[in-house]
Amino acid sequence: MKNFLKLLGYFTAFVALAAVSVYLIYFLINYDKTGEVPKLEGKRVSEASEVLNKRKLLINIKDKEYHDEVPEGHIIKQLAEVGKEIPVASQVGVIVSMGQEMYSMPSFEGQRIKNAKLTLSNFGMKIGKVTLVHSDSVDRGKIIAQRPLPGNNKSNEVNFLVSLGSYDVSYRCPSFVNMTVEEARLLAEKLGITLKEKDTGRRVIFQKPEAGALVKTGDSVEVKLGRGWGMWF
């Protein structure tokens, strides 16, 4: 048993000595030898690794970053200058592209533009172009459409089509004087104008602006109520 242990010890020592010898031989063979750093930017990692191996150099991925122009898996930047002589077996650091960053674009249609701005800011995105158009179906200040559409997108910028509301319609103000309150209210509603009623009574006895003045949808007409012309009750 003792002899076996001695033999095992001798064998282990021999293997260790052989390994050290191989390393020293490799070191002596390659002593003072260098490799020239090639251009790696734009290459795939696998391709760059092969190029370096031929020059007895190694690749070292230092970091990965999103990039709008360099495809995923390709090298954005190398940390050793092209043409520089470095010792063989040295590592050449590189930054590798993860491709374009993807953004999850929410839907903004029907929202007010000021609310969309806040949401985009929270998502790290921004507004591109805002186009204003009139719309009879979407309220003023609300978003009609967006580009790009909701979903995963490569762009962090969104363009909006925003409503200005309906076109202004101008017309001659009708005469409300001597109408009943109910008649005046019904006509005003049809025309899209608001009656500002003053005092009390069954009929309109005065209005401002007067009949024939230019008004448009959304304007207000002040009317004074009373008993009406020629009415004694």
Protein backbone atom coordinates (compact mmCIF):
# COMPACT_ATOMS: atom_id res chain seq x y z
CA MET A 1 0.00 0.00 0.00
CA LYS A 2 2.85 2.35 0.90
CA ASN A 3 4.52 1.64 -2.44
CA PHE A 4 1.29 2.44 -4.28
CA LEU A 5 0.99 5.79 -2.53
CA LYS A 6 4.61 6.58 -3.38
CA LEU A 7 4.00 5.75 -7.03
CA LEU A 8 0.84 7.90 -7.05
CA GLY A 9 2.79 10.80 -5.56
CA TYR A 10 5.55 10.46 -8.14
CA PHE A 11 2.99 10.35 -10.95
CA THR A 12 1.19 13.47 -9.71
CA ALA A 13 4.46 15.35 -9.41
CA PHE A 14 5.40 14.26 -12.93
CA VAL A 15 2.10 15.51 -14.39
CA ALA A 16 2.48 18.86 -12.62
CA LEU A 17 6.06 19.19 -13.84
CA ALA A 18 5.00 18.34 -17.38
CA ALA A 19 2.24 20.99 -17.29
CA VAL A 20 4.67 23.63 -16.08
CA SER A 21 7.11 22.61 -18.79
CA VAL A 22 4.47 22.92 -21.51
CA TYR A 23 3.52 26.38 -20.25
CA LEU A 24 7.16 27.50 -20.15
CA ILE A 25 7.77 26.19 -23.67
CA TYR A 26 4.65 28.01 -24.92
CA PHE A 27 5.73 31.18 -23.12
CA LEU A 28 9.26 30.99 -24.56
CA ILE A 29 7.97 30.33 -28.07
CA ASN A 30 5.58 33.27 -27.94
CA TYR A 31 7.79 35.59 -25.90
CA ASP A 32 7.83 39.10 -27.34
CA LYS A 33 5.32 38.06 -30.01
CA THR A 34 2.41 40.42 -30.71
CA GLY A 35 -0.71 40.49 -32.82
CA GLU A 36 -2.09 43.41 -34.80
CA VAL A 37 -5.60 44.53 -33.78
CA PRO A 38 -7.91 44.27 -36.80
CA LYS A 39 -11.01 46.36 -37.52
CA LEU A 40 -13.92 44.67 -35.73
CA GLU A 41 -16.63 47.34 -35.79
CA GLY A 42 -19.65 46.28 -37.83
CA LYS A 43 -18.74 42.58 -37.77
CA ARG A 44 -20.74 39.82 -36.12
CA VAL A 45 -19.28 38.63 -32.81
CA SER A 46 -18.60 35.15 -34.25
CA GLU A 47 -16.86 36.63 -37.30
CA ALA A 48 -14.78 39.00 -35.15
CA SER A 49 -13.78 36.12 -32.87
CA GLU A 50 -12.51 34.09 -35.85
CA VAL A 51 -10.48 37.05 -37.13
CA LEU A 52 -8.89 37.54 -33.72
CA ASN A 53 -8.13 33.84 -33.27
CA LYS A 54 -6.11 33.86 -36.48
CA ARG A 55 -3.95 36.56 -34.90
CA LYS A 56 -3.80 34.66 -31.56
CA LEU A 57 -5.97 37.27 -29.87
CA LEU A 58 -9.20 36.88 -27.90
CA ILE A 59 -12.50 38.73 -27.92
CA ASN A 60 -14.01 40.15 -24.72
CA ILE A 61 -17.60 41.46 -24.76
CA LYS A 62 -17.45 44.39 -22.35
CA ASP A 63 -21.02 45.63 -22.75
CA LYS A 64 -24.20 45.50 -24.83
CA GLU A 65 -26.19 48.55 -25.93
CA TYR A 66 -29.23 49.42 -28.04
CA HIS A 67 -28.33 50.97 -31.39
CA ASP A 68 -30.54 52.38 -34.16
CA GLU A 69 -28.14 51.56 -37.00
CA VAL A 70 -25.96 48.60 -35.98
CA PRO A 71 -27.87 45.28 -36.20
CA GLU A 72 -28.25 43.03 -33.20
CA GLY A 73 -25.20 40.84 -32.53
CA HIS A 74 -22.82 43.13 -34.42
CA ILE A 75 -20.00 45.13 -32.87
CA ILE A 76 -20.67 48.83 -32.26
CA LYS A 77 -17.26 49.76 -30.94
CA GLN A 78 -13.89 48.17 -30.17
CA LEU A 79 -11.78 49.31 -27.23
CA ALA A 80 -8.38 48.64 -28.84
CA GLU A 81 -7.19 50.88 -31.65
CA VAL A 82 -7.10 49.31 -35.13
CA GLY A 83 -3.51 48.47 -36.16
CA LYS A 84 -2.16 48.49 -32.62
CA GLU A 85 0.30 45.70 -31.75
CA ILE A 86 -0.63 43.89 -28.54
CA PRO A 87 0.78 40.68 -26.97
CA VAL A 88 -0.66 37.41 -28.23
CA ALA A 89 -3.43 35.89 -26.08
CA SER A 90 -4.53 39.43 -25.13
CA GLN A 91 -8.22 40.27 -25.05
CA VAL A 92 -9.78 42.92 -27.27
CA GLY A 93 -12.79 44.51 -25.60
CA VAL A 94 -15.88 45.24 -27.70
CA ILE A 95 -19.36 46.78 -27.28
CA VAL A 96 -22.08 44.70 -28.95
CA SER A 97 -25.40 45.94 -30.35
CA MET A 98 -28.77 44.72 -29.06
CA GLY A 99 -30.45 46.26 -32.10
CA GLN A 100 -33.07 48.98 -31.98
CA GLU A 101 -34.85 49.49 -28.68
CA MET A 102 -38.51 48.48 -28.75
CA TYR A 103 -41.21 50.65 -27.19
CA SER A 104 -44.68 49.59 -26.13
CA MET A 105 -46.88 52.27 -27.68
CA PRO A 106 -50.22 52.76 -25.89
CA SER A 107 -53.41 53.95 -27.57
CA PHE A 108 -54.09 57.68 -27.31
CA GLU A 109 -57.13 58.02 -29.57
CA GLY A 110 -59.95 59.92 -27.86
CA GLN A 111 -57.62 61.36 -25.21
CA ARG A 112 -56.80 65.02 -24.81
CA ILE A 113 -53.42 66.01 -26.20
CA LYS A 114 -52.24 67.43 -22.85
CA ASN A 115 -52.87 64.07 -21.16
CA ALA A 116 -51.02 62.24 -23.95
CA LYS A 117 -47.97 64.48 -23.43
CA LEU A 118 -47.82 63.51 -19.76
CA THR A 119 -48.16 59.80 -20.51
CA LEU A 120 -45.45 59.91 -23.17
CA SER A 121 -43.11 61.71 -20.78
CA ASN A 122 -43.61 58.98 -18.17
CA PHE A 123 -42.81 56.30 -20.80
CA GLY A 124 -39.65 58.10 -21.93
CA MET A 125 -41.20 58.86 -25.32
CA LYS A 126 -41.98 62.12 -27.08
CA ILE A 127 -44.45 63.81 -29.41
CA GLY A 128 -43.38 64.24 -33.01
CA LYS A 129 -45.72 66.15 -35.32
CA VAL A 130 -49.17 67.39 -34.28
CA THR A 131 -51.62 68.09 -37.10
CA LEU A 132 -54.80 70.04 -36.30
CA VAL A 133 -57.98 69.39 -38.29
CA HIS A 134 -61.67 70.15 -37.88
CA SER A 135 -63.94 67.28 -36.90
CA ASP A 136 -67.70 67.07 -36.39
CA SER A 137 -67.40 63.85 -34.35
CA VAL A 138 -64.38 64.48 -32.07
CA ASP A 139 -64.31 67.26 -29.48
CA ARG A 140 -61.78 70.05 -29.72
CA GLY A 141 -58.36 69.15 -28.24
CA LYS A 142 -58.90 65.38 -28.46
CA ILE A 143 -56.77 62.98 -30.50
CA ILE A 144 -58.37 61.60 -33.66
CA ALA A 145 -55.53 59.29 -34.78
CA GLN A 146 -51.90 58.42 -34.04
CA ARG A 147 -48.88 57.08 -35.91
CA PRO A 148 -47.31 54.68 -35.15
CA LEU A 149 -50.30 52.61 -34.09
CA PRO A 150 -50.51 51.04 -30.60
CA GLY A 151 -48.25 48.04 -30.00
CA ASN A 152 -44.52 47.32 -30.04
CA ASN A 153 -42.61 49.88 -32.09
CA LYS A 154 -38.99 50.76 -32.72
CA SER A 155 -39.74 54.48 -32.58
CA ASN A 156 -40.07 56.43 -29.33
CA GLU A 157 -41.83 59.27 -31.17
CA VAL A 158 -45.54 59.48 -31.98
CA ASN A 159 -47.40 61.81 -34.34
CA PHE A 160 -50.94 62.95 -33.60
CA LEU A 161 -53.97 64.12 -35.56
CA VAL A 162 -55.86 66.42 -33.17
CA SER A 163 -59.37 67.83 -33.48
CA LEU A 164 -60.16 71.54 -33.73
CA GLY A 165 -63.82 70.72 -33.26
CA SER A 166 -66.51 71.55 -35.80
CA TYR A 167 -66.14 74.35 -38.31
CA ASP A 168 -67.56 77.67 -37.09
CA VAL A 169 -70.92 78.36 -38.74
CA SER A 170 -71.85 82.05 -38.93
CA TYR A 171 -75.36 83.35 -39.58
CA ARG A 172 -77.62 86.29 -38.87
CA CYS A 173 -79.02 86.23 -35.36
CA PRO A 174 -82.78 85.66 -35.43
CA SER A 175 -85.22 87.80 -33.52
CA PHE A 176 -86.22 86.25 -30.21
CA VAL A 177 -88.26 89.27 -29.13
CA ASN A 178 -91.89 88.47 -28.31
CA MET A 179 -91.25 84.71 -28.47
CA THR A 180 -92.26 82.62 -25.51
CA VAL A 181 -89.39 81.35 -23.36
CA GLU A 182 -90.00 77.81 -24.63
CA GLU A 183 -89.92 78.90 -28.29
CA ALA A 184 -86.72 80.91 -27.79
CA ARG A 185 -84.99 78.02 -26.02
CA LEU A 186 -85.97 75.55 -28.74
CA LEU A 187 -84.70 77.83 -31.55
CA ALA A 188 -81.45 78.55 -29.71
CA GLU A 189 -80.81 74.84 -29.27
CA LYS A 190 -81.34 74.17 -32.98
CA LEU A 191 -78.92 76.96 -33.90
CA GLY A 192 -76.26 75.82 -31.39
CA ILE A 193 -76.26 79.04 -29.40
CA THR A 194 -76.79 79.65 -25.69
CA LEU A 195 -79.50 81.86 -24.21
CA LYS A 196 -78.54 83.91 -21.16
CA GLU A 197 -81.87 84.67 -19.55
CA LYS A 198 -82.35 87.79 -17.42
CA ASP A 199 -85.32 88.61 -15.14
CA THR A 200 -88.51 86.55 -15.23
CA GLY A 201 -91.54 86.39 -17.48
CA ARG A 202 -93.22 84.31 -20.18
CA ARG A 203 -91.85 86.17 -23.22
CA VAL A 204 -88.64 87.72 -24.53
CA ILE A 205 -88.85 91.54 -24.47
CA PHE A 206 -85.21 92.35 -25.33
CA GLN A 207 -82.14 90.67 -26.79
CA LYS A 208 -78.42 91.35 -27.21
CA PRO A 209 -76.99 91.19 -29.83
CA GLU A 210 -79.96 92.46 -31.78
CA ALA A 211 -81.65 90.58 -34.60
CA GLY A 212 -79.56 90.53 -37.80
CA ALA A 213 -76.14 90.67 -36.06
CA LEU A 214 -73.57 88.03 -37.05
CA VAL A 215 -73.30 85.14 -34.60
CA LYS A 216 -71.78 81.67 -34.83
CA THR A 217 -72.30 78.29 -33.27
CA GLY A 218 -71.33 78.33 -29.61
CA ASP A 219 -72.04 82.05 -29.10
CA SER A 220 -74.37 83.38 -26.41
CA VAL A 221 -77.37 85.67 -26.81
CA GLU A 222 -78.60 87.59 -23.80
CA VAL A 223 -82.38 87.85 -23.54
CA LYS A 224 -84.55 89.77 -21.08
CA LEU A 225 -87.81 88.21 -20.05
CA GLY A 226 -91.10 89.97 -19.29
CA ARG A 227 -94.79 90.03 -20.17
CA GLY A 228 -94.17 90.88 -23.85
CA TRP A 229 -95.36 93.66 -26.14
CA GLY A 230 -99.01 94.48 -25.94
CA MET A 231 -99.53 92.07 -23.07
CA TRP A 232 -101.41 93.44 -20.07
CA PHE A 233 -101.28 90.26 -18.00
